[in-house]
Amino acid sequence: MYYIYILLCKDNSLYTGFTTDIAKRLEDHRSGRGSKYVRSRLPVKLIYSERFRSKSRAMKREAQIKGWRREDKIENIQPKAGSPLAKKLKVG
């Protein structure tokens, strides 16, 4: 299986990535072995993921999401208004 994911970083930015193993990739990010972008914005929280059978579809979806503005990403994640995540993302 292939996955795309969105992380909420310490500075409140969003990071979108692709992996075959979310748990391992999240551990890589949290231990500083992930991307340079995330390494300087620890800690991070996994706030969204999607699963795909096709690597091609997963990578196309990742590219699509990376092309979205922050507001579009938040809208598509749809955190419940008033939830801790919505407050952190400054939604509702």
Foldseek 3Di string as FASTA:
>chain_A
DKKWWWKQFQVRDIDIDIDPDVVVQLVCLQVLNHDPVSSVGDDIDTQDMDDDPDPVVRVVVSVVLVPDDPVVNCVVSDDPPPDPVCVSNVHD
